Amino acid sequence: MTETTYGADVLIPVQVTVNGVGCSASVPARRLLSDFLRHDLRLTGTHVGCEHGVCGACTVLLDGRPVRSCLMFAVQAIGHDLTTVEGCGTIDAMGPVQQAFTECHGLQCGFCTPGFITTITAYLAENPTPSEEEAREAVSGNLCRCTGYQNIVTSVLRAAEVMKRRAGEQR
C-alpha cells in the first residue's frame, strides 16, 4: 500500500470489488466506506441516515455479510468484495428482494430501502425459508419510519418464494 500526500491529508489507494467490478480511488485514511461508495465511486444507492450504525440505511454486503458502511473506513475494505443495493438488481432485472418489495409495497419513502434490500439478501442466502417470526427478527436491526414493517416482513417471505421459484426455473 503506497501513500500519496495531498495537502495535510495522506491519501491511501483503496482497491475493492464493488458489484463485481474492480474499483479504486485514493482517499484519506479516515474516509468512511459509506462516503467512499457515495462520493468517490458515485454509487449513491447506499444511504446515510444516523451515522452511528443504528438505522441500517447504509448497510452493504462485505464478502456477502451485512455491514454498516458508516461504521467502517474505506481502507478496511481493501481487497474485499462489496455489494451495494445497485448490485442487487436493476429496474429491468430486479433481484428477488427488489421484486418482492415492489409486489408487496414494502417501501414508502424509500430512504431505508437500500439497507433492507442488502440485509434481506444476505439473510435469505443463509435462511431461504424463514417463518414470519424469523423474517421479523431478520429486519429488526433496520429502522423504517414509514411502513410499520408489516409489508417489509411480507416482502421477506415473498422474496423467499421468488428465490425458490427462480431456482426451480433454472433446473
C-alpha atoms as a PDB file:
ATOM      1  CA  MET A   1       0.000   0.000   0.000  1.00  0.00           C
ATOM      2  CA  THR A   2       1.570   3.276  -1.081  1.00  0.00           C
ATOM      3  CA  GLU A   3       0.564   6.628   0.322  1.00  0.00           C
ATOM      4  CA  THR A   4       0.199   9.916  -1.506  1.00  0.00           C
ATOM      5  CA  THR A   5       0.256  13.213   0.346  1.00  0.00           C
ATOM      6  CA  TYR A   6      -2.340  15.758  -0.646  1.00  0.00           C
ATOM      7  CA  GLY A   7      -2.240  18.888   1.450  1.00  0.00           C
ATOM      8  CA  ALA A   8      -2.461  17.847   5.095  1.00  0.00           C
ATOM      9  CA  ASP A   9      -4.142  14.517   4.304  1.00  0.00           C
ATOM     10  CA  VAL A  10      -2.378  11.303   3.450  1.00  0.00           C
ATOM     11  CA  LEU A  11      -4.231   9.539   0.643  1.00  0.00           C
ATOM     12  CA  ILE A  12      -4.415   5.758   0.652  1.00  0.00           C
ATOM     13  CA  PRO A  13      -5.188   3.826  -2.545  1.00  0.00           C
ATOM     14  CA  VAL A  14      -8.299   1.731  -1.931  1.00  0.00           C
ATOM     15  CA  GLN A  15      -8.910  -1.160  -4.317  1.00  0.00           C
ATOM     16  CA  VAL A  16     -12.093  -3.169  -3.895  1.00  0.00           C
ATOM     17  CA  THR A  17     -14.530  -5.129  -5.994  1.00  0.00           C
ATOM     18  CA  VAL A  18     -17.960  -3.492  -5.939  1.00  0.00           C
ATOM     19  CA  ASN A  19     -20.901  -5.281  -7.508  1.00  0.00           C
ATOM     20  CA  GLY A  20     -18.484  -7.493  -9.440  1.00  0.00           C
ATOM     21  CA  VAL A  21     -16.390  -4.623 -10.825  1.00  0.00           C
ATOM     22  CA  GLY A  22     -12.887  -3.679  -9.707  1.00  0.00           C
ATOM     23  CA  CYS A  23     -12.829  -0.127  -8.337  1.00  0.00           C
ATOM     24  CA  SER A  24     -10.131   2.060  -6.896  1.00  0.00           C
ATOM     25  CA  ALA A  25      -9.629   5.553  -5.582  1.00  0.00           C
ATOM     26  CA  SER A  26      -7.093   7.274  -3.361  1.00  0.00           C
ATOM     27  CA  VAL A  27      -8.793   8.600  -0.262  1.00  0.00           C
ATOM     28  CA  PRO A  28      -7.895   9.958   3.172  1.00  0.00           C
ATOM     29  CA  ALA A  29      -7.281   7.162   5.671  1.00  0.00           C
ATOM     30  CA  ARG A  30     -10.327   8.191   7.724  1.00  0.00           C
ATOM     31  CA  ARG A  31     -12.806   8.179   4.784  1.00  0.00           C
ATOM     32  CA  LEU A  32     -15.862   6.190   5.765  1.00  0.00           C
ATOM     33  CA  LEU A  33     -16.868   3.347   3.499  1.00  0.00           C
ATOM     34  CA  SER A  34     -20.283   4.993   3.010  1.00  0.00           C
ATOM     35  CA  ASP A  35     -18.623   8.197   1.817  1.00  0.00           C
ATOM     36  CA  PHE A  36     -16.203   6.253  -0.392  1.00  0.00           C
ATOM     37  CA  LEU A  37     -19.110   4.499  -2.102  1.00  0.00           C
ATOM     38  CA  ARG A  38     -21.273   7.598  -2.460  1.00  0.00           C
ATOM     39  CA  HIS A  39     -18.718  10.307  -3.217  1.00  0.00           C
ATOM     40  CA  ASP A  40     -15.686   8.590  -4.690  1.00  0.00           C
ATOM     41  CA  LEU A  41     -17.412   5.790  -6.611  1.00  0.00           C
ATOM     42  CA  ARG A  42     -20.701   7.682  -7.212  1.00  0.00           C
ATOM     43  CA  LEU A  43     -22.813   4.749  -6.005  1.00  0.00           C
ATOM     44  CA  THR A  44     -25.499   6.786  -4.280  1.00  0.00           C
ATOM     45  CA  GLY A  45     -27.873   3.928  -3.525  1.00  0.00           C
ATOM     46  CA  THR A  46     -26.209   3.457  -0.158  1.00  0.00           C
ATOM     47  CA  HIS A  47     -27.960   5.952   2.098  1.00  0.00           C
ATOM     48  CA  VAL A  48     -26.538   7.542   5.226  1.00  0.00           C
ATOM     49  CA  GLY A  49     -29.091   8.062   7.969  1.00  0.00           C
ATOM     50  CA  CYS A  50     -27.941   8.213  11.555  1.00  0.00           C
ATOM     51  CA  GLU A  51     -24.149   7.952  11.018  1.00  0.00           C
ATOM     52  CA  HIS A  52     -23.994   5.864  14.214  1.00  0.00           C
ATOM     53  CA  GLY A  53     -24.763   2.382  12.849  1.00  0.00           C
ATOM     54  CA  VAL A  54     -28.233   2.325  14.385  1.00  0.00           C
ATOM     55  CA  CYS A  55     -30.628   2.792  11.457  1.00  0.00           C
ATOM     56  CA  GLY A  56     -29.190   0.364   8.895  1.00  0.00           C
ATOM     57  CA  ALA A  57     -29.795   2.607   5.855  1.00  0.00           C
ATOM     58  CA  CYS A  58     -26.095   2.358   4.956  1.00  0.00           C
ATOM     59  CA  THR A  59     -25.931  -1.445   5.062  1.00  0.00           C
ATOM     60  CA  VAL A  60     -23.850  -3.053   2.317  1.00  0.00           C
ATOM     61  CA  LEU A  61     -22.534  -6.573   1.946  1.00  0.00           C
ATOM     62  CA  LEU A  62     -18.852  -7.196   2.635  1.00  0.00           C
ATOM     63  CA  ASP A  63     -17.947 -10.628   1.282  1.00  0.00           C
ATOM     64  CA  GLY A  64     -21.656 -11.460   1.487  1.00  0.00           C
ATOM     65  CA  ARG A  65     -22.115 -10.330   5.101  1.00  0.00           C
ATOM     66  CA  PRO A  66     -24.092  -7.197   6.030  1.00  0.00           C
ATOM     67  CA  VAL A  67     -22.043  -4.336   7.493  1.00  0.00           C
ATOM     68  CA  ARG A  68     -22.850  -0.762   8.403  1.00  0.00           C
ATOM     69  CA  SER A  69     -20.786   1.266   5.954  1.00  0.00           C
ATOM     70  CA  CYS A  70     -20.983   4.356   8.188  1.00  0.00           C
ATOM     71  CA  LEU A  71     -19.008   2.496  10.867  1.00  0.00           C
ATOM     72  CA  MET A  72     -16.221   1.246   8.648  1.00  0.00           C
ATOM     73  CA  PHE A  73     -13.316   3.001   6.998  1.00  0.00           C
ATOM     74  CA  ALA A  74     -12.853   2.504   3.273  1.00  0.00           C
ATOM     75  CA  VAL A  75      -9.298   1.241   3.871  1.00  0.00           C
ATOM     76  CA  GLN A  76     -10.745  -1.650   5.902  1.00  0.00           C
ATOM     77  CA  ALA A  77     -12.478  -2.882   2.738  1.00  0.00           C
ATOM     78  CA  ILE A  78      -9.280  -3.125   0.670  1.00  0.00           C
ATOM     79  CA  GLY A  79      -9.216  -6.437  -1.178  1.00  0.00           C
ATOM     80  CA  HIS A  80     -12.804  -7.341  -0.277  1.00  0.00           C
ATOM     81  CA  ASP A  81     -15.935  -7.847  -2.362  1.00  0.00           C
ATOM     82  CA  LEU A  82     -18.693  -5.329  -1.703  1.00  0.00           C
ATOM     83  CA  THR A  83     -22.293  -5.490  -2.827  1.00  0.00           C
ATOM     84  CA  THR A  84     -24.419  -2.368  -2.688  1.00  0.00           C
ATOM     85  CA  VAL A  85     -28.102  -2.082  -3.488  1.00  0.00           C
ATOM     86  CA  GLU A  86     -27.074  -1.328  -7.078  1.00  0.00           C
ATOM     87  CA  GLY A  87     -25.591  -4.830  -7.237  1.00  0.00           C
ATOM     88  CA  CYS A  88     -28.818  -6.496  -6.050  1.00  0.00           C
ATOM     89  CA  GLY A  89     -30.631  -5.884  -9.341  1.00  0.00           C
ATOM     90  CA  THR A  90     -31.830  -3.227 -11.746  1.00  0.00           C
ATOM     91  CA  ILE A  91     -35.148  -1.787 -12.878  1.00  0.00           C
ATOM     92  CA  ASP A  92     -35.045  -4.111 -15.886  1.00  0.00           C
ATOM     93  CA  ALA A  93     -33.758  -7.157 -13.995  1.00  0.00           C
ATOM     94  CA  MET A  94     -34.860  -6.897 -10.379  1.00  0.00           C
ATOM     95  CA  GLY A  95     -33.375  -9.161  -7.797  1.00  0.00           C
ATOM     96  CA  PRO A  96     -35.829 -11.282  -5.815  1.00  0.00           C
ATOM     97  CA  VAL A  97     -35.864  -8.944  -2.825  1.00  0.00           C
ATOM     98  CA  GLN A  98     -36.445  -5.897  -5.008  1.00  0.00           C
ATOM     99  CA  GLN A  99     -39.232  -7.707  -6.842  1.00  0.00           C
ATOM    100  CA  ALA A 100     -40.862  -8.680  -3.549  1.00  0.00           C
ATOM    101  CA  PHE A 101     -40.639  -5.119  -2.187  1.00  0.00           C
ATOM    102  CA  THR A 102     -42.352  -3.894  -5.349  1.00  0.00           C
ATOM    103  CA  GLU A 103     -45.081  -6.543  -5.297  1.00  0.00           C
ATOM    104  CA  CYS A 104     -45.764  -6.280  -1.555  1.00  0.00           C
ATOM    105  CA  HIS A 105     -45.436  -2.500  -1.186  1.00  0.00           C
ATOM    106  CA  GLY A 106     -42.506  -2.938   1.198  1.00  0.00           C
ATOM    107  CA  LEU A 107     -41.443   0.675   0.918  1.00  0.00           C
ATOM    108  CA  GLN A 108     -42.921   4.114   1.231  1.00  0.00           C
ATOM    109  CA  CYS A 109     -40.430   6.983   1.204  1.00  0.00           C
ATOM    110  CA  GLY A 110     -37.638   4.579   0.169  1.00  0.00           C
ATOM    111  CA  PHE A 111     -34.843   6.065   2.269  1.00  0.00           C
ATOM    112  CA  CYS A 112     -34.325   2.926   4.346  1.00  0.00           C
ATOM    113  CA  THR A 113     -34.964   0.541   1.457  1.00  0.00           C
ATOM    114  CA  PRO A 114     -31.342   0.014   0.268  1.00  0.00           C
ATOM    115  CA  GLY A 115     -30.343  -1.162   3.739  1.00  0.00           C
ATOM    116  CA  PHE A 116     -33.314  -3.507   3.912  1.00  0.00           C
ATOM    117  CA  ILE A 117     -32.607  -4.888   0.430  1.00  0.00           C
ATOM    118  CA  THR A 118     -28.982  -5.742   1.240  1.00  0.00           C
ATOM    119  CA  THR A 119     -29.788  -7.053   4.727  1.00  0.00           C
ATOM    120  CA  ILE A 120     -32.575  -9.310   3.447  1.00  0.00           C
ATOM    121  CA  THR A 121     -30.475 -10.508   0.503  1.00  0.00           C
ATOM    122  CA  ALA A 122     -27.771 -11.728   2.900  1.00  0.00           C
ATOM    123  CA  TYR A 123     -30.338 -13.179   5.301  1.00  0.00           C
ATOM    124  CA  LEU A 124     -32.145 -15.214   2.641  1.00  0.00           C
ATOM    125  CA  ALA A 125     -28.824 -16.582   1.365  1.00  0.00           C
ATOM    126  CA  GLU A 126     -28.435 -18.224   4.786  1.00  0.00           C
ATOM    127  CA  ASN A 127     -32.107 -18.914   5.582  1.00  0.00           C
ATOM    128  CA  PRO A 128     -34.063 -19.373   2.339  1.00  0.00           C
ATOM    129  CA  THR A 129     -37.308 -20.461   4.058  1.00  0.00           C
ATOM    130  CA  PRO A 130     -37.915 -18.158   7.022  1.00  0.00           C
ATOM    131  CA  SER A 131     -41.034 -18.128   9.153  1.00  0.00           C
ATOM    132  CA  GLU A 132     -42.824 -14.817   9.697  1.00  0.00           C
ATOM    133  CA  GLU A 133     -41.222 -14.545  13.129  1.00  0.00           C
ATOM    134  CA  GLU A 134     -37.749 -15.213  11.688  1.00  0.00           C
ATOM    135  CA  ALA A 135     -38.345 -12.636   8.943  1.00  0.00           C
ATOM    136  CA  ARG A 136     -39.358 -10.059  11.547  1.00  0.00           C
ATOM    137  CA  GLU A 137     -36.214 -10.805  13.547  1.00  0.00           C
ATOM    138  CA  ALA A 138     -34.052 -10.571  10.403  1.00  0.00           C
ATOM    139  CA  VAL A 139     -35.159  -6.993   9.706  1.00  0.00           C
ATOM    140  CA  SER A 140     -35.225  -5.847  13.338  1.00  0.00           C
ATOM    141  CA  GLY A 141     -31.833  -4.156  13.034  1.00  0.00           C
ATOM    142  CA  ASN A 142     -33.032  -1.783  10.306  1.00  0.00           C
ATOM    143  CA  LEU A 143     -35.240   1.185  11.087  1.00  0.00           C
ATOM    144  CA  CYS A 144     -38.149   2.411   8.978  1.00  0.00           C
ATOM    145  CA  ARG A 145     -40.185   5.437   9.970  1.00  0.00           C
ATOM    146  CA  CYS A 146     -42.948   4.998   7.373  1.00  0.00           C
ATOM    147  CA  THR A 147     -44.212   1.454   6.895  1.00  0.00           C
ATOM    148  CA  GLY A 148     -44.915  -0.170  10.236  1.00  0.00           C
ATOM    149  CA  TYR A 149     -42.815  -3.155   8.999  1.00  0.00           C
ATOM    150  CA  GLN A 150     -45.737  -5.447   8.104  1.00  0.00           C
ATOM    151  CA  ASN A 151     -45.206  -5.067   4.351  1.00  0.00           C
ATOM    152  CA  ILE A 152     -41.456  -5.392   4.830  1.00  0.00           C
ATOM    153  CA  VAL A 153     -41.927  -8.722   6.626  1.00  0.00           C
ATOM    154  CA  THR A 154     -44.348  -9.800   3.893  1.00  0.00           C
ATOM    155  CA  SER A 155     -41.681  -8.809   1.354  1.00  0.00           C
ATOM    156  CA  VAL A 156     -39.111 -11.065   3.054  1.00  0.00           C
ATOM    157  CA  LEU A 157     -41.477 -14.024   2.808  1.00  0.00           C
ATOM    158  CA  ARG A 158     -42.360 -13.190  -0.800  1.00  0.00           C
ATOM    159  CA  ALA A 159     -38.669 -12.841  -1.726  1.00  0.00           C
ATOM    160  CA  ALA A 160     -38.064 -16.345  -0.363  1.00  0.00           C
ATOM    161  CA  GLU A 161     -40.854 -17.615  -2.655  1.00  0.00           C
ATOM    162  CA  VAL A 162     -39.418 -15.761  -5.652  1.00  0.00           C
ATOM    163  CA  MET A 163     -35.951 -17.185  -4.978  1.00  0.00           C
ATOM    164  CA  LYS A 164     -37.351 -20.710  -4.720  1.00  0.00           C
ATOM    165  CA  ARG A 165     -39.312 -20.290  -7.976  1.00  0.00           C
ATOM    166  CA  ARG A 166     -36.297 -18.861  -9.816  1.00  0.00           C
ATOM    167  CA  ALA A 167     -34.101 -21.707  -8.577  1.00  0.00           C
ATOM    168  CA  GLY A 168     -36.670 -24.205  -9.883  1.00  0.00           C
ATOM    169  CA  GLU A 169     -36.780 -22.496 -13.280  1.00  0.00           C
ATOM    170  CA  GLN A 170     -33.005 -22.770 -13.643  1.00  0.00           C
ATOM    171  CA  ARG A 171     -33.050 -26.557 -13.298  1.00  0.00           C
END
